[in-house]
Amino acid sequence: MAGFHGQQDFHRRHAHRQWGPPPAPPHYGGFSGYALPPPYLSTLMPPAPSPPPSTPRLGTEIVTLLLRTQIEYYFSEDNLARNVHLKMQMDEEGWVSVHTIASFPRVKRLTNDVVLILRSLQPSPTVEVEDGKMRRRGTWKKWLIRR
């Protein structure tokens, strides 16, 4: 087998060939070519203020009804029968913090205003509210997880 030098020779002769299209150049965004503002701007500009609680785009009455309906579902018999995560959030008296409920994706899409969330539950026959917490009305003991 004259002229055969093995795999190393093959790779040396074909190393310049690339498989597939060439890689795309990096994108830095904007016209300035920076992905982030230049470092010196952080010393010239004050930090951006934190956003206020989101104001619902829908009317407050509609958001209130949607919040109450969603949270009543969370505390419904059907949901509590299989929702271990929510039951793990309950304290020894069945209370769940409004901040925990406000972090749930479907509630978060409606608002991040905990006062509005608590106010929406005042007329609820399913959920009771007290001191920034909520629990299933009446049968809360049934859903406690013994730890």
N, C-alpha and C. Protein backbone atom coordinates (compact mmCIF):
# COMPACT_ATOMS: atom_id res chain seq x y z
N MET A 1 0.84 -1.19 0.00
CA MET A 1 0.00 0.00 0.00
C MET A 1 0.88 1.24 0.00
N ALA A 2 1.49 1.43 -1.09
CA ALA A 2 2.37 2.58 -1.24
C ALA A 2 1.53 3.86 -1.34
N GLY A 3 2.01 4.90 -0.76
CA GLY A 3 1.34 6.19 -0.84
C GLY A 3 0.25 6.40 0.21
N PHE A 4 -0.08 5.40 1.01
CA PHE A 4 -1.10 5.56 2.05
C PHE A 4 -0.42 5.90 3.36
N HIS A 5 -0.77 7.02 3.92
CA HIS A 5 -0.12 7.48 5.15
C HIS A 5 -1.07 7.50 6.35
N GLY A 6 -2.24 6.92 6.23
CA GLY A 6 -3.15 6.81 7.36
C GLY A 6 -4.05 8.04 7.53
N GLN A 7 -4.78 8.02 8.65
CA GLN A 7 -5.77 9.06 8.92
C GLN A 7 -5.14 10.43 9.14
N GLN A 8 -3.97 10.49 9.75
CA GLN A 8 -3.36 11.79 10.02
C GLN A 8 -3.09 12.55 8.74
N ASP A 9 -2.59 11.85 7.73
CA ASP A 9 -2.32 12.50 6.46
C ASP A 9 -3.62 12.97 5.81
N PHE A 10 -4.67 12.16 5.90
CA PHE A 10 -5.97 12.54 5.32
C PHE A 10 -6.48 13.82 5.97
N HIS A 11 -6.44 13.88 7.29
CA HIS A 11 -6.93 15.07 8.00
C HIS A 11 -6.07 16.28 7.70
N ARG A 12 -4.77 16.11 7.55
CA ARG A 12 -3.89 17.23 7.24
C ARG A 12 -4.23 17.80 5.86
N ARG A 13 -4.51 16.94 4.90
CA ARG A 13 -4.80 17.41 3.55
C ARG A 13 -6.20 18.01 3.43
N HIS A 14 -7.15 17.62 4.28
CA HIS A 14 -8.53 18.07 4.14
C HIS A 14 -8.98 18.97 5.28
N ALA A 15 -8.07 19.43 6.11
CA ALA A 15 -8.43 20.24 7.27
C ALA A 15 -9.00 21.60 6.85
N HIS A 16 -8.64 22.08 5.67
CA HIS A 16 -9.10 23.40 5.24
C HIS A 16 -10.57 23.39 4.82
N ARG A 17 -11.14 22.23 4.57
CA ARG A 17 -12.54 22.14 4.14
C ARG A 17 -13.45 22.22 5.36
N GLN A 18 -14.54 22.98 5.22
CA GLN A 18 -15.51 23.09 6.31
C GLN A 18 -16.80 22.42 5.88
N TRP A 19 -17.46 21.83 6.79
CA TRP A 19 -18.75 21.21 6.52
C TRP A 19 -19.84 22.20 6.88
N GLY A 20 -20.78 22.45 5.98
CA GLY A 20 -21.90 23.35 6.24
C GLY A 20 -21.54 24.78 5.94
N PRO A 21 -22.49 25.67 6.15
CA PRO A 21 -22.25 27.09 5.86
C PRO A 21 -21.30 27.70 6.88
N PRO A 22 -20.63 28.77 6.49
CA PRO A 22 -19.73 29.42 7.45
C PRO A 22 -20.53 30.01 8.61
N PRO A 23 -19.92 30.14 9.78
CA PRO A 23 -20.66 30.70 10.92
C PRO A 23 -21.01 32.16 10.67
N ALA A 24 -22.17 32.56 11.21
CA ALA A 24 -22.61 33.94 11.06
C ALA A 24 -21.74 34.85 11.92
N PRO A 25 -21.50 36.07 11.47
CA PRO A 25 -20.73 37.00 12.30
C PRO A 25 -21.52 37.36 13.55
N PRO A 26 -20.85 37.71 14.64
CA PRO A 26 -21.58 38.05 15.87
C PRO A 26 -22.42 39.31 15.68
N HIS A 27 -23.59 39.33 16.32
CA HIS A 27 -24.49 40.48 16.23
C HIS A 27 -24.39 41.27 17.54
N TYR A 28 -24.07 42.52 17.42
CA TYR A 28 -23.93 43.35 18.62
C TYR A 28 -25.12 44.25 18.84
N GLY A 29 -26.01 44.36 17.87
CA GLY A 29 -27.24 45.14 18.04
C GLY A 29 -27.01 46.63 17.95
N GLY A 30 -28.01 47.30 17.51
CA GLY A 30 -27.97 48.76 17.44
C GLY A 30 -27.00 49.27 16.38
N PHE A 31 -26.96 50.57 16.23
CA PHE A 31 -26.08 51.18 15.24
C PHE A 31 -24.68 51.43 15.80
N SER A 32 -24.56 51.47 17.12
CA SER A 32 -23.27 51.80 17.71
C SER A 32 -22.32 50.62 17.73
N GLY A 33 -22.85 49.42 17.55
CA GLY A 33 -21.99 48.25 17.59
C GLY A 33 -21.81 47.69 18.99
N TYR A 34 -22.46 48.28 20.00
CA TYR A 34 -22.35 47.79 21.37
C TYR A 34 -23.54 46.91 21.70
N ALA A 35 -23.29 45.81 22.38
CA ALA A 35 -24.39 44.99 22.89
C ALA A 35 -24.99 45.68 24.11
N LEU A 36 -24.17 46.34 24.88
CA LEU A 36 -24.58 47.09 26.06
C LEU A 36 -24.06 48.51 25.90
N PRO A 37 -24.62 49.47 26.64
CA PRO A 37 -24.08 50.82 26.56
C PRO A 37 -22.62 50.82 27.00
N PRO A 38 -21.83 51.73 26.46
CA PRO A 38 -20.43 51.79 26.88
C PRO A 38 -20.33 51.99 28.39
N PRO A 39 -19.28 51.47 29.02
CA PRO A 39 -19.16 51.53 30.48
C PRO A 39 -19.19 52.95 31.05
N TYR A 40 -18.70 53.93 30.30
CA TYR A 40 -18.66 55.28 30.86
C TYR A 40 -20.05 55.88 31.01
N LEU A 41 -21.06 55.37 30.30
CA LEU A 41 -22.41 55.91 30.43
C LEU A 41 -23.01 55.61 31.80
N SER A 42 -22.60 54.50 32.43
CA SER A 42 -23.17 54.17 33.72
C SER A 42 -22.79 55.20 34.79
N THR A 43 -21.70 55.91 34.60
CA THR A 43 -21.33 56.93 35.57
C THR A 43 -22.03 58.25 35.28
N LEU A 44 -22.54 58.43 34.05
CA LEU A 44 -23.21 59.67 33.69
C LEU A 44 -24.71 59.61 33.88
N MET A 45 -25.28 58.41 33.79
CA MET A 45 -26.73 58.28 33.85
C MET A 45 -27.15 57.69 35.19
N PRO A 46 -28.21 58.24 35.81
CA PRO A 46 -28.71 57.64 37.05
C PRO A 46 -29.36 56.30 36.73
N PRO A 47 -29.45 55.40 37.72
CA PRO A 47 -30.09 54.11 37.47
C PRO A 47 -31.57 54.30 37.15
N ALA A 48 -32.09 53.43 36.33
CA ALA A 48 -33.51 53.50 35.96
C ALA A 48 -34.36 53.17 37.18
N PRO A 49 -35.46 53.90 37.38
CA PRO A 49 -36.32 53.61 38.53
C PRO A 49 -37.04 52.28 38.32
N SER A 50 -37.39 51.63 39.42
CA SER A 50 -38.12 50.38 39.30
C SER A 50 -39.54 50.68 38.83
N PRO A 51 -40.12 49.79 38.05
CA PRO A 51 -41.45 50.07 37.51
C PRO A 51 -42.50 49.99 38.60
N PRO A 52 -43.56 50.79 38.49
CA PRO A 52 -44.65 50.72 39.47
C PRO A 52 -45.43 49.43 39.26
N PRO A 53 -46.29 49.06 40.21
CA PRO A 53 -47.12 47.87 39.98
C PRO A 53 -47.85 48.03 38.65
N SER A 54 -47.94 46.92 37.92
CA SER A 54 -48.53 47.02 36.59
C SER A 54 -49.99 47.42 36.68
N THR A 55 -50.36 48.34 35.83
CA THR A 55 -51.75 48.75 35.72
C THR A 55 -52.39 47.86 34.67
N PRO A 56 -53.45 47.18 35.00
CA PRO A 56 -54.06 46.29 34.04
C PRO A 56 -54.53 47.03 32.80
N ARG A 57 -54.29 46.43 31.62
CA ARG A 57 -54.78 47.02 30.38
C ARG A 57 -56.28 46.83 30.27
N LEU A 58 -56.77 45.73 30.82
CA LEU A 58 -58.20 45.52 30.86
C LEU A 58 -58.77 46.40 31.96
N GLY A 59 -60.05 46.57 31.99
CA GLY A 59 -60.66 47.35 33.06
C GLY A 59 -60.45 46.67 34.40
N THR A 60 -60.37 47.45 35.45
CA THR A 60 -60.12 46.91 36.79
C THR A 60 -61.20 45.91 37.20
N GLU A 61 -62.45 46.17 36.81
CA GLU A 61 -63.53 45.25 37.17
C GLU A 61 -63.32 43.88 36.52
N ILE A 62 -62.90 43.88 35.26
CA ILE A 62 -62.67 42.61 34.56
C ILE A 62 -61.48 41.88 35.16
N VAL A 63 -60.40 42.61 35.44
CA VAL A 63 -59.22 41.98 36.04
C VAL A 63 -59.57 41.42 37.41
N THR A 64 -60.37 42.14 38.18
CA THR A 64 -60.79 41.66 39.50
C THR A 64 -61.56 40.35 39.38
N LEU A 65 -62.46 40.29 38.42
CA LEU A 65 -63.24 39.07 38.22
C LEU A 65 -62.35 37.91 37.75
N LEU A 66 -61.42 38.20 36.83
CA LEU A 66 -60.50 37.15 36.35
C LEU A 66 -59.60 36.64 37.47
N LEU A 67 -59.10 37.55 38.30
CA LEU A 67 -58.26 37.16 39.44
C LEU A 67 -59.03 36.26 40.40
N ARG A 68 -60.22 36.70 40.77
CA ARG A 68 -61.02 35.93 41.72
C ARG A 68 -61.33 34.53 41.16
N THR A 69 -61.70 34.48 39.88
CA THR A 69 -62.02 33.19 39.26
C THR A 69 -60.80 32.27 39.26
N GLN A 70 -59.63 32.81 38.91
CA GLN A 70 -58.41 32.00 38.85
C GLN A 70 -58.00 31.50 40.23
N ILE A 71 -58.02 32.37 41.21
CA ILE A 71 -57.59 31.99 42.56
C ILE A 71 -58.61 31.06 43.21
N GLU A 72 -59.89 31.26 42.94
CA GLU A 72 -60.89 30.32 43.44
C GLU A 72 -60.66 28.94 42.83
N TYR A 73 -60.23 28.89 41.58
CA TYR A 73 -59.89 27.60 40.99
C TYR A 73 -58.70 26.97 41.72
N TYR A 74 -57.67 27.77 42.02
CA TYR A 74 -56.51 27.22 42.74
C TYR A 74 -56.94 26.56 44.05
N PHE A 75 -57.91 27.16 44.75
CA PHE A 75 -58.34 26.65 46.04
C PHE A 75 -59.59 25.76 45.94
N SER A 76 -59.95 25.35 44.74
CA SER A 76 -61.11 24.47 44.57
C SER A 76 -60.77 23.05 45.03
N GLU A 77 -61.81 22.28 45.33
CA GLU A 77 -61.63 20.88 45.75
C GLU A 77 -60.89 20.09 44.68
N ASP A 78 -61.29 20.26 43.43
CA ASP A 78 -60.66 19.51 42.33
C ASP A 78 -59.17 19.80 42.22
N ASN A 79 -58.80 21.08 42.29
CA ASN A 79 -57.39 21.43 42.15
C ASN A 79 -56.57 21.01 43.37
N LEU A 80 -57.10 21.27 44.56
CA LEU A 80 -56.35 20.90 45.77
C LEU A 80 -56.16 19.39 45.90
N ALA A 81 -57.05 18.61 45.30
CA ALA A 81 -56.91 17.16 45.36
C ALA A 81 -55.64 16.68 44.66
N ARG A 82 -55.12 17.46 43.71
CA ARG A 82 -53.93 17.01 42.98
C ARG A 82 -52.78 18.02 42.96
N ASN A 83 -52.96 19.21 43.50
CA ASN A 83 -51.94 20.25 43.43
C ASN A 83 -51.07 20.22 44.70
N VAL A 84 -50.05 19.40 44.67
CA VAL A 84 -49.16 19.25 45.83
C VAL A 84 -48.37 20.53 46.07
N HIS A 85 -47.97 21.21 44.98
CA HIS A 85 -47.18 22.44 45.14
C HIS A 85 -47.92 23.47 45.97
N LEU A 86 -49.18 23.71 45.68
CA LEU A 86 -49.95 24.69 46.45
C LEU A 86 -50.10 24.24 47.90
N LYS A 87 -50.35 22.97 48.12
CA LYS A 87 -50.49 22.47 49.49
C LYS A 87 -49.19 22.58 50.27
N MET A 88 -48.05 22.46 49.58
CA MET A 88 -46.75 22.63 50.25
C MET A 88 -46.52 24.08 50.68
N GLN A 89 -47.18 25.03 50.04
CA GLN A 89 -47.03 26.44 50.38
C GLN A 89 -47.86 26.84 51.60
N MET A 90 -48.78 26.00 52.01
CA MET A 90 -49.67 26.32 53.14
C MET A 90 -48.93 26.22 54.47
N ASP A 91 -49.24 27.17 55.36
CA ASP A 91 -48.68 27.06 56.71
C ASP A 91 -49.56 26.10 57.52
N GLU A 92 -49.31 26.00 58.82
CA GLU A 92 -50.03 25.03 59.66
C GLU A 92 -51.51 25.33 59.83
N GLU A 93 -51.94 26.54 59.41
CA GLU A 93 -53.36 26.88 59.46
C GLU A 93 -53.96 27.04 58.06
N GLY A 94 -53.26 26.56 57.05
CA GLY A 94 -53.79 26.56 55.70
C GLY A 94 -53.60 27.85 54.92
N TRP A 95 -52.92 28.83 55.49
CA TRP A 95 -52.73 30.12 54.82
C TRP A 95 -51.59 30.06 53.80
N VAL A 96 -51.79 30.76 52.70
CA VAL A 96 -50.78 30.91 51.65
C VAL A 96 -50.58 32.40 51.44
N SER A 97 -49.35 32.84 51.37
CA SER A 97 -49.04 34.25 51.18
C SER A 97 -49.54 34.76 49.83
N VAL A 98 -50.01 35.98 49.81
CA VAL A 98 -50.45 36.59 48.55
C VAL A 98 -49.29 36.69 47.57
N HIS A 99 -48.08 36.84 48.07
CA HIS A 99 -46.91 36.94 47.19
C HIS A 99 -46.65 35.61 46.47
N THR A 100 -46.95 34.51 47.14
CA THR A 100 -46.82 33.20 46.50
C THR A 100 -47.82 33.08 45.37
N ILE A 101 -49.07 33.43 45.63
CA ILE A 101 -50.11 33.36 44.60
C ILE A 101 -49.81 34.35 43.48
N ALA A 102 -49.30 35.52 43.82
CA ALA A 102 -48.98 36.54 42.80
C ALA A 102 -47.85 36.07 41.89
N SER A 103 -47.06 35.11 42.32
CA SER A 103 -45.95 34.61 41.50
C SER A 103 -46.41 33.54 40.50
N PHE A 104 -47.63 33.05 40.64
CA PHE A 104 -48.13 32.04 39.71
C PHE A 104 -48.32 32.68 38.34
N PRO A 105 -47.92 32.01 37.27
CA PRO A 105 -47.93 32.62 35.93
C PRO A 105 -49.27 33.22 35.49
N ARG A 106 -50.37 32.54 35.76
CA ARG A 106 -51.67 33.07 35.29
C ARG A 106 -52.09 34.31 36.06
N VAL A 107 -51.71 34.40 37.30
CA VAL A 107 -51.99 35.62 38.08
C VAL A 107 -51.03 36.72 37.65
N LYS A 108 -49.78 36.36 37.47
CA LYS A 108 -48.77 37.33 37.08
C LYS A 108 -49.11 38.00 35.75
N ARG A 109 -49.73 37.24 34.82
CA ARG A 109 -50.13 37.83 33.54
C ARG A 109 -51.21 38.89 33.71
N LEU A 110 -52.00 38.78 34.75
CA LEU A 110 -53.07 39.74 34.98
C LEU A 110 -52.58 40.99 35.71
N THR A 111 -51.78 40.79 36.75
CA THR A 111 -51.29 41.93 37.54
C THR A 111 -50.19 41.46 38.49
N ASN A 112 -49.40 42.43 38.97
CA ASN A 112 -48.47 42.14 40.05
C ASN A 112 -48.81 42.99 41.28
N ASP A 113 -50.00 43.56 41.28
CA ASP A 113 -50.48 44.41 42.37
C ASP A 113 -51.15 43.53 43.44
N VAL A 114 -50.44 43.29 44.55
CA VAL A 114 -50.97 42.39 45.58
C VAL A 114 -52.20 42.98 46.26
N VAL A 115 -52.31 44.29 46.33
CA VAL A 115 -53.50 44.91 46.93
C VAL A 115 -54.73 44.59 46.08
N LEU A 116 -54.58 44.68 44.77
CA LEU A 116 -55.68 44.35 43.87
C LEU A 116 -56.05 42.87 44.00
N ILE A 117 -55.07 42.01 44.13
CA ILE A 117 -55.33 40.58 44.28
C ILE A 117 -56.15 40.32 45.55
N LEU A 118 -55.71 40.91 46.66
CA LEU A 118 -56.43 40.73 47.92
C LEU A 118 -57.84 41.32 47.86
N ARG A 119 -57.96 42.48 47.27
CA ARG A 119 -59.27 43.14 47.16
C ARG A 119 -60.22 42.31 46.29
N SER A 120 -59.68 41.66 45.26
CA SER A 120 -60.54 40.88 44.37
C SER A 120 -61.16 39.68 45.08
N LEU A 121 -60.53 39.21 46.16
CA LEU A 121 -61.01 38.02 46.86
C LEU A 121 -61.98 38.32 48.00
N GLN A 122 -62.22 39.59 48.31
CA GLN A 122 -63.09 39.93 49.43
C GLN A 122 -64.48 39.30 49.31
N PRO A 123 -65.14 39.34 48.14
CA PRO A 123 -66.49 38.75 48.06
C PRO A 123 -66.49 37.24 47.78
N SER A 124 -65.35 36.59 47.78
CA SER A 124 -65.26 35.18 47.39
C SER A 124 -65.92 34.25 48.41
N PRO A 125 -66.77 33.33 47.95
CA PRO A 125 -67.33 32.33 48.86
C PRO A 125 -66.37 31.16 49.09
N THR A 126 -65.30 31.07 48.27
CA THR A 126 -64.38 29.93 48.33
C THR A 126 -63.11 30.24 49.11
N VAL A 127 -62.62 31.47 48.99
CA VAL A 127 -61.32 31.85 49.55
C VAL A 127 -61.52 32.96 50.58
N GLU A 128 -60.87 32.80 51.74
CA GLU A 128 -60.89 33.88 52.73
C GLU A 128 -59.52 34.54 52.78
N VAL A 129 -59.52 35.83 53.12
CA VAL A 129 -58.30 36.64 53.12
C VAL A 129 -58.10 37.24 54.49
N GLU A 130 -56.83 37.25 54.95
CA GLU A 130 -56.50 37.87 56.23
C GLU A 130 -55.02 38.21 56.26
N ASP A 131 -54.68 39.44 56.55
CA ASP A 131 -53.29 39.88 56.73
C ASP A 131 -52.35 39.46 55.60
N GLY A 132 -52.74 39.67 54.36
CA GLY A 132 -51.88 39.37 53.23
C GLY A 132 -51.73 37.89 52.93
N LYS A 133 -52.67 37.09 53.47
CA LYS A 133 -52.66 35.65 53.24
C LYS A 133 -54.05 35.21 52.81
N MET A 134 -54.14 34.02 52.23
CA MET A 134 -55.43 33.48 51.84
C MET A 134 -55.44 31.97 52.07
N ARG A 135 -56.66 31.42 52.21
CA ARG A 135 -56.81 29.98 52.35
C ARG A 135 -58.21 29.59 51.91
N ARG A 136 -58.41 28.30 51.73
CA ARG A 136 -59.73 27.78 51.38
C ARG A 136 -60.66 28.01 52.56
N ARG A 137 -61.82 28.53 52.28
CA ARG A 137 -62.80 28.82 53.33
C ARG A 137 -63.42 27.52 53.85
N GLY A 138 -63.47 27.36 55.14
CA GLY A 138 -64.18 26.23 55.75
C GLY A 138 -63.38 24.95 55.85
N THR A 139 -63.01 24.35 54.74
CA THR A 139 -62.40 23.01 54.76
C THR A 139 -60.88 23.03 54.62
N TRP A 140 -60.22 24.08 55.06
CA TRP A 140 -58.77 24.20 54.88
C TRP A 140 -58.00 23.10 55.57
N LYS A 141 -58.48 22.60 56.72
CA LYS A 141 -57.76 21.55 57.46
C LYS A 141 -57.61 20.28 56.64
N LYS A 142 -58.58 20.00 55.79
CA LYS A 142 -58.59 18.79 54.97
C LYS A 142 -57.37 18.75 54.03
N TRP A 143 -56.83 19.91 53.66
CA TRP A 143 -55.80 19.98 52.62
C TRP A 143 -54.39 20.15 53.16
N LEU A 144 -54.23 20.18 54.49
CA LEU A 144 -52.90 20.32 55.05
C LEU A 144 -52.07 19.07 54.81
N ILE A 145 -50.79 19.27 54.53
CA ILE A 145 -49.86 18.16 54.41
C ILE A 145 -49.12 18.05 55.74
N ARG A 146 -49.19 16.90 56.34
CA ARG A 146 -48.51 16.68 57.62
C ARG A 146 -47.01 16.60 57.40
N ARG A 147 -46.27 17.40 58.12
CA ARG A 147 -44.80 17.42 57.98
C ARG A 147 -44.14 16.94 59.22
